[in-house]
mmCIF file of all heavy atoms, coordinates in Angstrom:
data_MODEL
# 
_entry.id   MODEL 
# 
loop_
_atom_site.group_PDB 
_atom_site.id 
_atom_site.type_symbol 
_atom_site.label_atom_id 
_atom_site.label_alt_id 
_atom_site.label_comp_id 
_atom_site.label_asym_id 
_atom_site.label_entity_id 
_atom_site.label_seq_id 
_atom_site.pdbx_PDB_ins_code 
_atom_site.Cartn_x 
_atom_site.Cartn_y 
_atom_site.Cartn_z 
_atom_site.occupancy 
_atom_site.B_iso_or_equiv 
_atom_site.pdbx_formal_charge 
_atom_site.auth_seq_id 
_atom_site.auth_comp_id 
_atom_site.auth_asym_id 
_atom_site.auth_atom_id 
_atom_site.pdbx_PDB_model_num 
ATOM 1   N N   . TYR A 1 1  ? -26.022 -5.984  -17.556 1.00 0.00 ? 1  TYR A N   1 
ATOM 2   C CA  . TYR A 1 1  ? -26.772 -7.154  -17.098 1.00 0.00 ? 1  TYR A CA  1 
ATOM 3   C C   . TYR A 1 1  ? -26.621 -7.273  -15.579 1.00 0.00 ? 1  TYR A C   1 
ATOM 4   O O   . TYR A 1 1  ? -25.612 -6.831  -15.015 1.00 0.00 ? 1  TYR A O   1 
ATOM 5   C CB  . TYR A 1 1  ? -26.242 -8.436  -17.765 1.00 0.00 ? 1  TYR A CB  1 
ATOM 6   C CG  . TYR A 1 1  ? -26.540 -8.564  -19.233 1.00 0.00 ? 1  TYR A CG  1 
ATOM 7   C CD1 . TYR A 1 1  ? -25.509 -8.705  -20.157 1.00 0.00 ? 1  TYR A CD1 1 
ATOM 8   C CD2 . TYR A 1 1  ? -27.857 -8.572  -19.704 1.00 0.00 ? 1  TYR A CD2 1 
ATOM 9   C CE1 . TYR A 1 1  ? -25.768 -8.852  -21.514 1.00 0.00 ? 1  TYR A CE1 1 
ATOM 10  C CE2 . TYR A 1 1  ? -28.128 -8.722  -21.057 1.00 0.00 ? 1  TYR A CE2 1 
ATOM 11  C CZ  . TYR A 1 1  ? -27.082 -8.838  -21.958 1.00 0.00 ? 1  TYR A CZ  1 
ATOM 12  O OH  . TYR A 1 1  ? -27.343 -8.977  -23.295 1.00 0.00 ? 1  TYR A OH  1 
ATOM 13  N N   . PRO A 1 2  ? -27.600 -7.930  -14.932 1.00 0.00 ? 2  PRO A N   1 
ATOM 14  C CA  . PRO A 1 2  ? -27.418 -8.218  -13.502 1.00 0.00 ? 2  PRO A CA  1 
ATOM 15  C C   . PRO A 1 2  ? -26.216 -9.143  -13.274 1.00 0.00 ? 2  PRO A C   1 
ATOM 16  O O   . PRO A 1 2  ? -25.753 -9.823  -14.196 1.00 0.00 ? 2  PRO A O   1 
ATOM 17  C CB  . PRO A 1 2  ? -28.728 -8.942  -13.130 1.00 0.00 ? 2  PRO A CB  1 
ATOM 18  C CG  . PRO A 1 2  ? -29.705 -8.566  -14.175 1.00 0.00 ? 2  PRO A CG  1 
ATOM 19  C CD  . PRO A 1 2  ? -28.895 -8.370  -15.441 1.00 0.00 ? 2  PRO A CD  1 
ATOM 20  N N   . ASN A 1 3  ? -25.711 -9.151  -12.074 1.00 0.00 ? 3  ASN A N   1 
ATOM 21  C CA  . ASN A 1 3  ? -24.637 -10.064 -11.646 1.00 0.00 ? 3  ASN A CA  1 
ATOM 22  C C   . ASN A 1 3  ? -23.363 -9.870  -12.480 1.00 0.00 ? 3  ASN A C   1 
ATOM 23  O O   . ASN A 1 3  ? -22.845 -10.807 -13.088 1.00 0.00 ? 3  ASN A O   1 
ATOM 24  C CB  . ASN A 1 3  ? -25.096 -11.518 -11.752 1.00 0.00 ? 3  ASN A CB  1 
ATOM 25  C CG  . ASN A 1 3  ? -26.291 -11.843 -10.860 1.00 0.00 ? 3  ASN A CG  1 
ATOM 26  O OD1 . ASN A 1 3  ? -26.441 -11.213 -9.808  1.00 0.00 ? 3  ASN A OD1 1 
ATOM 27  N ND2 . ASN A 1 3  ? -27.148 -12.741 -11.293 1.00 0.00 ? 3  ASN A ND2 1 
ATOM 28  N N   . GLN A 1 4  ? -22.858 -8.650  -12.488 1.00 0.00 ? 4  GLN A N   1 
ATOM 29  C CA  . GLN A 1 4  ? -21.627 -8.379  -13.244 1.00 0.00 ? 4  GLN A CA  1 
ATOM 30  C C   . GLN A 1 4  ? -20.400 -8.851  -12.473 1.00 0.00 ? 4  GLN A C   1 
ATOM 31  O O   . GLN A 1 4  ? -20.209 -8.475  -11.315 1.00 0.00 ? 4  GLN A O   1 
ATOM 32  C CB  . GLN A 1 4  ? -21.477 -6.884  -13.556 1.00 0.00 ? 4  GLN A CB  1 
ATOM 33  C CG  . GLN A 1 4  ? -20.282 -6.592  -14.447 1.00 0.00 ? 4  GLN A CG  1 
ATOM 34  C CD  . GLN A 1 4  ? -19.931 -5.115  -14.492 1.00 0.00 ? 4  GLN A CD  1 
ATOM 35  O OE1 . GLN A 1 4  ? -20.390 -4.320  -13.692 1.00 0.00 ? 4  GLN A OE1 1 
ATOM 36  N NE2 . GLN A 1 4  ? -19.083 -4.756  -15.452 1.00 0.00 ? 4  GLN A NE2 1 
ATOM 37  N N   . ILE A 1 5  ? -19.569 -9.663  -13.110 1.00 0.00 ? 5  ILE A N   1 
ATOM 38  C CA  . ILE A 1 5  ? -18.279 -10.059 -12.553 1.00 0.00 ? 5  ILE A CA  1 
ATOM 39  C C   . ILE A 1 5  ? -17.295 -8.921  -12.890 1.00 0.00 ? 5  ILE A C   1 
ATOM 40  O O   . ILE A 1 5  ? -16.717 -8.891  -13.971 1.00 0.00 ? 5  ILE A O   1 
ATOM 41  C CB  . ILE A 1 5  ? -17.794 -11.392 -13.158 1.00 0.00 ? 5  ILE A CB  1 
ATOM 42  C CG1 . ILE A 1 5  ? -18.888 -12.465 -13.011 1.00 0.00 ? 5  ILE A CG1 1 
ATOM 43  C CG2 . ILE A 1 5  ? -16.491 -11.834 -12.482 1.00 0.00 ? 5  ILE A CG2 1 
ATOM 44  C CD1 . ILE A 1 5  ? -19.251 -12.800 -11.610 1.00 0.00 ? 5  ILE A CD1 1 
ATOM 45  N N   . ASN A 1 6  ? -17.154 -7.993  -11.975 1.00 0.00 ? 6  ASN A N   1 
ATOM 46  C CA  . ASN A 1 6  ? -16.409 -6.775  -12.236 1.00 0.00 ? 6  ASN A CA  1 
ATOM 47  C C   . ASN A 1 6  ? -15.202 -6.719  -11.280 1.00 0.00 ? 6  ASN A C   1 
ATOM 48  O O   . ASN A 1 6  ? -15.355 -6.674  -10.066 1.00 0.00 ? 6  ASN A O   1 
ATOM 49  C CB  . ASN A 1 6  ? -17.316 -5.558  -11.995 1.00 0.00 ? 6  ASN A CB  1 
ATOM 50  C CG  . ASN A 1 6  ? -16.674 -4.250  -12.432 1.00 0.00 ? 6  ASN A CG  1 
ATOM 51  O OD1 . ASN A 1 6  ? -15.459 -4.124  -12.482 1.00 0.00 ? 6  ASN A OD1 1 
ATOM 52  N ND2 . ASN A 1 6  ? -17.514 -3.278  -12.758 1.00 0.00 ? 6  ASN A ND2 1 
ATOM 53  N N   . ASN A 1 7  ? -13.994 -6.690  -11.863 1.00 0.00 ? 7  ASN A N   1 
ATOM 54  C CA  . ASN A 1 7  ? -12.786 -6.716  -11.048 1.00 0.00 ? 7  ASN A CA  1 
ATOM 55  C C   . ASN A 1 7  ? -12.657 -5.535  -10.125 1.00 0.00 ? 7  ASN A C   1 
ATOM 56  O O   . ASN A 1 7  ? -11.903 -5.600  -9.146  1.00 0.00 ? 7  ASN A O   1 
ATOM 57  C CB  . ASN A 1 7  ? -11.549 -6.792  -11.957 1.00 0.00 ? 7  ASN A CB  1 
ATOM 58  C CG  . ASN A 1 7  ? -11.360 -8.169  -12.552 1.00 0.00 ? 7  ASN A CG  1 
ATOM 59  O OD1 . ASN A 1 7  ? -12.309 -8.939  -12.681 1.00 0.00 ? 7  ASN A OD1 1 
ATOM 60  N ND2 . ASN A 1 7  ? -10.148 -8.487  -12.944 1.00 0.00 ? 7  ASN A ND2 1 
ATOM 61  N N   . VAL A 1 8  ? -13.350 -4.437  -10.399 1.00 0.00 ? 8  VAL A N   1 
ATOM 62  C CA  . VAL A 1 8  ? -13.218 -3.267  -9.541  1.00 0.00 ? 8  VAL A CA  1 
ATOM 63  C C   . VAL A 1 8  ? -13.778 -3.551  -8.147  1.00 0.00 ? 8  VAL A C   1 
ATOM 64  O O   . VAL A 1 8  ? -13.514 -2.826  -7.197  1.00 0.00 ? 8  VAL A O   1 
ATOM 65  C CB  . VAL A 1 8  ? -13.893 -2.036  -10.182 1.00 0.00 ? 8  VAL A CB  1 
ATOM 66  C CG1 . VAL A 1 8  ? -15.422 -2.061  -9.971  1.00 0.00 ? 8  VAL A CG1 1 
ATOM 67  C CG2 . VAL A 1 8  ? -13.299 -0.738  -9.621  1.00 0.00 ? 8  VAL A CG2 1 
ATOM 68  N N   . LEU A 1 9  ? -14.543 -4.634  -8.014  1.00 0.00 ? 9  LEU A N   1 
ATOM 69  C CA  . LEU A 1 9  ? -15.009 -5.057  -6.693  1.00 0.00 ? 9  LEU A CA  1 
ATOM 70  C C   . LEU A 1 9  ? -13.893 -5.673  -5.860  1.00 0.00 ? 9  LEU A C   1 
ATOM 71  O O   . LEU A 1 9  ? -14.032 -5.870  -4.657  1.00 0.00 ? 9  LEU A O   1 
ATOM 72  C CB  . LEU A 1 9  ? -16.133 -6.088  -6.845  1.00 0.00 ? 9  LEU A CB  1 
ATOM 73  C CG  . LEU A 1 9  ? -17.441 -5.607  -7.468  1.00 0.00 ? 9  LEU A CG  1 
ATOM 74  C CD1 . LEU A 1 9  ? -18.338 -6.795  -7.752  1.00 0.00 ? 9  LEU A CD1 1 
ATOM 75  C CD2 . LEU A 1 9  ? -18.140 -4.628  -6.548  1.00 0.00 ? 9  LEU A CD2 1 
ATOM 76  N N   . GLY A 1 10 ? -12.777 -5.992  -6.521  1.00 0.00 ? 10 GLY A N   1 
ATOM 77  C CA  . GLY A 1 10 ? -11.716 -6.705  -5.852  1.00 0.00 ? 10 GLY A CA  1 
ATOM 78  C C   . GLY A 1 10 ? -10.422 -5.956  -5.642  1.00 0.00 ? 10 GLY A C   1 
ATOM 79  O O   . GLY A 1 10 ? -10.050 -5.626  -4.531  1.00 0.00 ? 10 GLY A O   1 
ATOM 80  N N   . PHE A 1 11 ? -9.726  -5.622  -6.742  1.00 0.00 ? 11 PHE A N   1 
ATOM 81  C CA  . PHE A 1 11 ? -8.327  -5.192  -6.610  1.00 0.00 ? 11 PHE A CA  1 
ATOM 82  C C   . PHE A 1 11 ? -8.128  -3.949  -5.738  1.00 0.00 ? 11 PHE A C   1 
ATOM 83  O O   . PHE A 1 11 ? -7.180  -3.901  -4.960  1.00 0.00 ? 11 PHE A O   1 
ATOM 84  C CB  . PHE A 1 11 ? -7.679  -5.002  -7.981  1.00 0.00 ? 11 PHE A CB  1 
ATOM 85  C CG  . PHE A 1 11 ? -8.223  -3.867  -8.794  1.00 0.00 ? 11 PHE A CG  1 
ATOM 86  C CD1 . PHE A 1 11 ? -7.736  -2.566  -8.635  1.00 0.00 ? 11 PHE A CD1 1 
ATOM 87  C CD2 . PHE A 1 11 ? -9.202  -4.089  -9.764  1.00 0.00 ? 11 PHE A CD2 1 
ATOM 88  C CE1 . PHE A 1 11 ? -8.213  -1.534  -9.391  1.00 0.00 ? 11 PHE A CE1 1 
ATOM 89  C CE2 . PHE A 1 11 ? -9.681  -3.029  -10.535 1.00 0.00 ? 11 PHE A CE2 1 
ATOM 90  C CZ  . PHE A 1 11 ? -9.200  -1.753  -10.332 1.00 0.00 ? 11 PHE A CZ  1 
ATOM 91  N N   . PRO A 1 12 ? -9.007  -2.900  -5.775  1.00 0.00 ? 12 PRO A N   1 
ATOM 92  C CA  . PRO A 1 12 ? -8.719  -1.754  -4.912  1.00 0.00 ? 12 PRO A CA  1 
ATOM 93  C C   . PRO A 1 12 ? -8.763  -2.123  -3.433  1.00 0.00 ? 12 PRO A C   1 
ATOM 94  O O   . PRO A 1 12 ? -7.913  -1.679  -2.647  1.00 0.00 ? 12 PRO A O   1 
ATOM 95  C CB  . PRO A 1 12 ? -9.845  -0.762  -5.257  1.00 0.00 ? 12 PRO A CB  1 
ATOM 96  C CG  . PRO A 1 12 ? -10.391 -1.220  -6.565  1.00 0.00 ? 12 PRO A CG  1 
ATOM 97  C CD  . PRO A 1 12 ? -10.231 -2.704  -6.570  1.00 0.00 ? 12 PRO A CD  1 
ATOM 98  N N   . TYR A 1 13 ? -9.719  -2.957  -3.064  1.00 0.00 ? 13 TYR A N   1 
ATOM 99  C CA  . TYR A 1 13 ? -9.938  -3.285  -1.658  1.00 0.00 ? 13 TYR A CA  1 
ATOM 100 C C   . TYR A 1 13 ? -8.959  -4.332  -1.165  1.00 0.00 ? 13 TYR A C   1 
ATOM 101 O O   . TYR A 1 13 ? -8.555  -4.333  0.021   1.00 0.00 ? 13 TYR A O   1 
ATOM 102 C CB  . TYR A 1 13 ? -11.394 -3.739  -1.479  1.00 0.00 ? 13 TYR A CB  1 
ATOM 103 C CG  . TYR A 1 13 ? -12.371 -2.791  -2.120  1.00 0.00 ? 13 TYR A CG  1 
ATOM 104 C CD1 . TYR A 1 13 ? -13.092 -3.142  -3.261  1.00 0.00 ? 13 TYR A CD1 1 
ATOM 105 C CD2 . TYR A 1 13 ? -12.530 -1.501  -1.625  1.00 0.00 ? 13 TYR A CD2 1 
ATOM 106 C CE1 . TYR A 1 13 ? -13.970 -2.255  -3.847  1.00 0.00 ? 13 TYR A CE1 1 
ATOM 107 C CE2 . TYR A 1 13 ? -13.402 -0.592  -2.208  1.00 0.00 ? 13 TYR A CE2 1 
ATOM 108 C CZ  . TYR A 1 13 ? -14.117 -0.982  -3.330  1.00 0.00 ? 13 TYR A CZ  1 
ATOM 109 O OH  . TYR A 1 13 ? -14.959 -0.090  -3.928  1.00 0.00 ? 13 TYR A OH  1 
ATOM 110 N N   . ILE A 1 14 ? -8.571  -5.254  -2.048  1.00 0.00 ? 14 ILE A N   1 
ATOM 111 C CA  . ILE A 1 14 ? -7.571  -6.268  -1.661  1.00 0.00 ? 14 ILE A CA  1 
ATOM 112 C C   . ILE A 1 14 ? -6.243  -5.593  -1.372  1.00 0.00 ? 14 ILE A C   1 
ATOM 113 O O   . ILE A 1 14 ? -5.574  -5.856  -0.363  1.00 0.00 ? 14 ILE A O   1 
ATOM 114 C CB  . ILE A 1 14 ? -7.450  -7.333  -2.765  1.00 0.00 ? 14 ILE A CB  1 
ATOM 115 C CG1 . ILE A 1 14 ? -8.736  -8.140  -2.865  1.00 0.00 ? 14 ILE A CG1 1 
ATOM 116 C CG2 . ILE A 1 14 ? -6.257  -8.246  -2.525  1.00 0.00 ? 14 ILE A CG2 1 
ATOM 117 C CD1 . ILE A 1 14 ? -8.892  -8.922  -4.150  1.00 0.00 ? 14 ILE A CD1 1 
ATOM 118 N N   . PHE A 1 15 ? -5.843  -4.677  -2.268  1.00 0.00 ? 15 PHE A N   1 
ATOM 119 C CA  . PHE A 1 15 ? -4.586  -3.946  -2.013  1.00 0.00 ? 15 PHE A CA  1 
ATOM 120 C C   . PHE A 1 15 ? -4.717  -3.033  -0.802  1.00 0.00 ? 15 PHE A C   1 
ATOM 121 O O   . PHE A 1 15 ? -3.733  -2.872  -0.059  1.00 0.00 ? 15 PHE A O   1 
ATOM 122 C CB  . PHE A 1 15 ? -4.190  -3.121  -3.252  1.00 0.00 ? 15 PHE A CB  1 
ATOM 123 C CG  . PHE A 1 15 ? -3.289  -3.863  -4.172  1.00 0.00 ? 15 PHE A CG  1 
ATOM 124 C CD1 . PHE A 1 15 ? -3.777  -4.471  -5.337  1.00 0.00 ? 15 PHE A CD1 1 
ATOM 125 C CD2 . PHE A 1 15 ? -1.924  -3.956  -3.929  1.00 0.00 ? 15 PHE A CD2 1 
ATOM 126 C CE1 . PHE A 1 15 ? -2.942  -5.159  -6.199  1.00 0.00 ? 15 PHE A CE1 1 
ATOM 127 C CE2 . PHE A 1 15 ? -1.083  -4.645  -4.787  1.00 0.00 ? 15 PHE A CE2 1 
ATOM 128 C CZ  . PHE A 1 15 ? -1.587  -5.253  -5.926  1.00 0.00 ? 15 PHE A CZ  1 
ATOM 129 N N   . ARG A 1 16 ? -5.892  -2.434  -0.578  1.00 0.00 ? 16 ARG A N   1 
ATOM 130 C CA  . ARG A 1 16 ? -6.074  -1.576  0.600   1.00 0.00 ? 16 ARG A CA  1 
ATOM 131 C C   . ARG A 1 16 ? -5.777  -2.373  1.875   1.00 0.00 ? 16 ARG A C   1 
ATOM 132 O O   . ARG A 1 16 ? -5.010  -1.937  2.755   1.00 0.00 ? 16 ARG A O   1 
ATOM 133 C CB  . ARG A 1 16 ? -7.507  -1.045  0.630   1.00 0.00 ? 16 ARG A CB  1 
ATOM 134 C CG  . ARG A 1 16 ? -7.898  -0.151  1.810   1.00 0.00 ? 16 ARG A CG  1 
ATOM 135 C CD  . ARG A 1 16 ? -7.373  1.240   1.700   1.00 0.00 ? 16 ARG A CD  1 
ATOM 136 N NE  . ARG A 1 16 ? -6.002  1.348   2.202   1.00 0.00 ? 16 ARG A NE  1 
ATOM 137 C CZ  . ARG A 1 16 ? -5.158  2.284   1.802   1.00 0.00 ? 16 ARG A CZ  1 
ATOM 138 N NH1 . ARG A 1 16 ? -5.503  3.169   0.897   1.00 0.00 ? 16 ARG A NH1 1 
ATOM 139 N NH2 . ARG A 1 16 ? -3.921  2.318   2.300   1.00 0.00 ? 16 ARG A NH2 1 
ATOM 140 N N   . GLY A 1 17 ? -6.355  -3.542  2.007   1.00 0.00 ? 17 GLY A N   1 
ATOM 141 C CA  . GLY A 1 17 ? -6.103  -4.361  3.172   1.00 0.00 ? 17 GLY A CA  1 
ATOM 142 C C   . GLY A 1 17 ? -4.669  -4.833  3.280   1.00 0.00 ? 17 GLY A C   1 
ATOM 143 O O   . GLY A 1 17 ? -4.053  -4.829  4.344   1.00 0.00 ? 17 GLY A O   1 
ATOM 144 N N   . ALA A 1 18 ? -4.077  -5.215  2.128   1.00 0.00 ? 18 ALA A N   1 
ATOM 145 C CA  . ALA A 1 18 ? -2.690  -5.677  2.113   1.00 0.00 ? 18 ALA A CA  1 
ATOM 146 C C   . ALA A 1 18 ? -1.726  -4.562  2.502   1.00 0.00 ? 18 ALA A C   1 
ATOM 147 O O   . ALA A 1 18 ? -0.778  -4.758  3.274   1.00 0.00 ? 18 ALA A O   1 
ATOM 148 C CB  . ALA A 1 18 ? -2.333  -6.229  0.737   1.00 0.00 ? 18 ALA A CB  1 
ATOM 149 N N   . LEU A 1 19 ? -1.926  -3.356  1.964   1.00 0.00 ? 19 LEU A N   1 
ATOM 150 C CA  . LEU A 1 19 ? -1.057  -2.236  2.282   1.00 0.00 ? 19 LEU A CA  1 
ATOM 151 C C   . LEU A 1 19 ? -1.156  -1.841  3.758   1.00 0.00 ? 19 LEU A C   1 
ATOM 152 O O   . LEU A 1 19 ? -0.154  -1.501  4.400   1.00 0.00 ? 19 LEU A O   1 
ATOM 153 C CB  . LEU A 1 19 ? -1.427  -1.020  1.420   1.00 0.00 ? 19 LEU A CB  1 
ATOM 154 C CG  . LEU A 1 19 ? -1.121  -1.116  -0.088  1.00 0.00 ? 19 LEU A CG  1 
ATOM 155 C CD1 . LEU A 1 19 ? -1.693  0.099   -0.801  1.00 0.00 ? 19 LEU A CD1 1 
ATOM 156 C CD2 . LEU A 1 19 ? 0.359   -1.241  -0.351  1.00 0.00 ? 19 LEU A CD2 1 
ATOM 157 N N   . ASP A 1 20 ? -2.350  -1.898  4.301   1.00 0.00 ? 20 ASP A N   1 
ATOM 158 C CA  . ASP A 1 20 ? -2.564  -1.402  5.662   1.00 0.00 ? 20 ASP A CA  1 
ATOM 159 C C   . ASP A 1 20 ? -1.924  -2.291  6.730   1.00 0.00 ? 20 ASP A C   1 
ATOM 160 O O   . ASP A 1 20 ? -1.698  -1.856  7.847   1.00 0.00 ? 20 ASP A O   1 
ATOM 161 C CB  . ASP A 1 20 ? -4.049  -1.208  5.932   1.00 0.00 ? 20 ASP A CB  1 
ATOM 162 C CG  . ASP A 1 20 ? -4.606  -0.004  5.166   1.00 0.00 ? 20 ASP A CG  1 
ATOM 163 O OD1 . ASP A 1 20 ? -3.809  0.839   4.740   1.00 0.00 ? 20 ASP A OD1 1 
ATOM 164 O OD2 . ASP A 1 20 ? -5.839  0.081   4.998   1.00 0.00 ? 20 ASP A OD2 1 
ATOM 165 N N   . VAL A 1 21 ? -1.673  -3.553  6.372   1.00 0.00 ? 21 VAL A N   1 
ATOM 166 C CA  . VAL A 1 21 ? -0.931  -4.417  7.307   1.00 0.00 ? 21 VAL A CA  1 
ATOM 167 C C   . VAL A 1 21 ? 0.493   -4.668  6.823   1.00 0.00 ? 21 VAL A C   1 
ATOM 168 O O   . VAL A 1 21 ? 1.218   -5.490  7.374   1.00 0.00 ? 21 VAL A O   1 
ATOM 169 C CB  . VAL A 1 21 ? -1.661  -5.764  7.541   1.00 0.00 ? 21 VAL A CB  1 
ATOM 170 C CG1 . VAL A 1 21 ? -2.997  -5.555  8.238   1.00 0.00 ? 21 VAL A CG1 1 
ATOM 171 C CG2 . VAL A 1 21 ? -1.829  -6.529  6.217   1.00 0.00 ? 21 VAL A CG2 1 
ATOM 172 N N   . ARG A 1 22 ? 0.881   -3.936  5.743   1.00 0.00 ? 22 ARG A N   1 
ATOM 173 C CA  . ARG A 1 22 ? 2.223   -4.115  5.145   1.00 0.00 ? 22 ARG A CA  1 
ATOM 174 C C   . ARG A 1 22 ? 2.500   -5.584  4.838   1.00 0.00 ? 22 ARG A C   1 
ATOM 175 O O   . ARG A 1 22 ? 3.555   -6.127  5.187   1.00 0.00 ? 22 ARG A O   1 
ATOM 176 C CB  . ARG A 1 22 ? 3.294   -3.521  6.035   1.00 0.00 ? 22 ARG A CB  1 
ATOM 177 C CG  . ARG A 1 22 ? 3.154   -2.018  6.235   1.00 0.00 ? 22 ARG A CG  1 
ATOM 178 C CD  . ARG A 1 22 ? 4.272   -1.441  7.078   1.00 0.00 ? 22 ARG A CD  1 
ATOM 179 N NE  . ARG A 1 22 ? 3.965   -0.055  7.450   1.00 0.00 ? 22 ARG A NE  1 
ATOM 180 C CZ  . ARG A 1 22 ? 4.634   0.654   8.339   1.00 0.00 ? 22 ARG A CZ  1 
ATOM 181 N NH1 . ARG A 1 22 ? 5.678   0.102   8.968   1.00 0.00 ? 22 ARG A NH1 1 
ATOM 182 N NH2 . ARG A 1 22 ? 4.299   1.901   8.625   1.00 0.00 ? 22 ARG A NH2 1 
ATOM 183 N N   . ALA A 1 23 ? 1.536   -6.200  4.163   1.00 0.00 ? 23 ALA A N   1 
ATOM 184 C CA  . ALA A 1 23 ? 1.675   -7.624  3.837   1.00 0.00 ? 23 ALA A CA  1 
ATOM 185 C C   . ALA A 1 23 ? 2.838   -7.836  2.881   1.00 0.00 ? 23 ALA A C   1 
ATOM 186 O O   . ALA A 1 23 ? 3.103   -7.031  1.988   1.00 0.00 ? 23 ALA A O   1 
ATOM 187 C CB  . ALA A 1 23 ? 0.374   -8.135  3.212   1.00 0.00 ? 23 ALA A CB  1 
ATOM 188 N N   . SER A 1 24 ? 3.543   -8.949  3.038   1.00 0.00 ? 24 SER A N   1 
ATOM 189 C CA  . SER A 1 24 ? 4.653   -9.283  2.163   1.00 0.00 ? 24 SER A CA  1 
ATOM 190 C C   . SER A 1 24 ? 4.170   -9.916  0.856   1.00 0.00 ? 24 SER A C   1 
ATOM 191 O O   . SER A 1 24 ? 4.883   -9.936  -0.136  1.00 0.00 ? 24 SER A O   1 
ATOM 192 C CB  . SER A 1 24 ? 5.612   -10.241 2.854   1.00 0.00 ? 24 SER A CB  1 
ATOM 193 O OG  . SER A 1 24 ? 4.931   -11.429 3.255   1.00 0.00 ? 24 SER A OG  1 
ATOM 194 N N   . ARG A 1 25 ? 2.933   -10.429 0.862   1.00 0.00 ? 25 ARG A N   1 
ATOM 195 C CA  . ARG A 1 25 ? 2.339   -11.018 -0.342  1.00 0.00 ? 25 ARG A CA  1 
ATOM 196 C C   . ARG A 1 25 ? 0.834   -11.078 -0.181  1.00 0.00 ? 25 ARG A C   1 
ATOM 197 O O   . ARG A 1 25 ? 0.293   -10.889 0.909   1.00 0.00 ? 25 ARG A O   1 
ATOM 198 C CB  . ARG A 1 25 ? 2.890   -12.418 -0.602  1.00 0.00 ? 25 ARG A CB  1 
ATOM 199 C CG  . ARG A 1 25 ? 2.582   -13.438 0.499   1.00 0.00 ? 25 ARG A CG  1 
ATOM 200 C CD  . ARG A 1 25 ? 3.233   -14.798 0.227   1.00 0.00 ? 25 ARG A CD  1 
ATOM 201 N NE  . ARG A 1 25 ? 4.696   -14.677 0.140   1.00 0.00 ? 25 ARG A NE  1 
ATOM 202 C CZ  . ARG A 1 25 ? 5.390   -14.906 -0.986  1.00 0.00 ? 25 ARG A CZ  1 
ATOM 203 N NH1 . ARG A 1 25 ? 4.766   -15.247 -2.087  1.00 0.00 ? 25 ARG A NH1 1 
ATOM 204 N NH2 . ARG A 1 25 ? 6.708   -14.786 -1.001  1.00 0.00 ? 25 ARG A NH2 1 
# 
């Protein structure tokens, strides 16, 4: 269906940004 709420849009990229600045949380 259109407008899929798909978590793959989030977790890979959120962790990518967090890892690259060595975020504590």
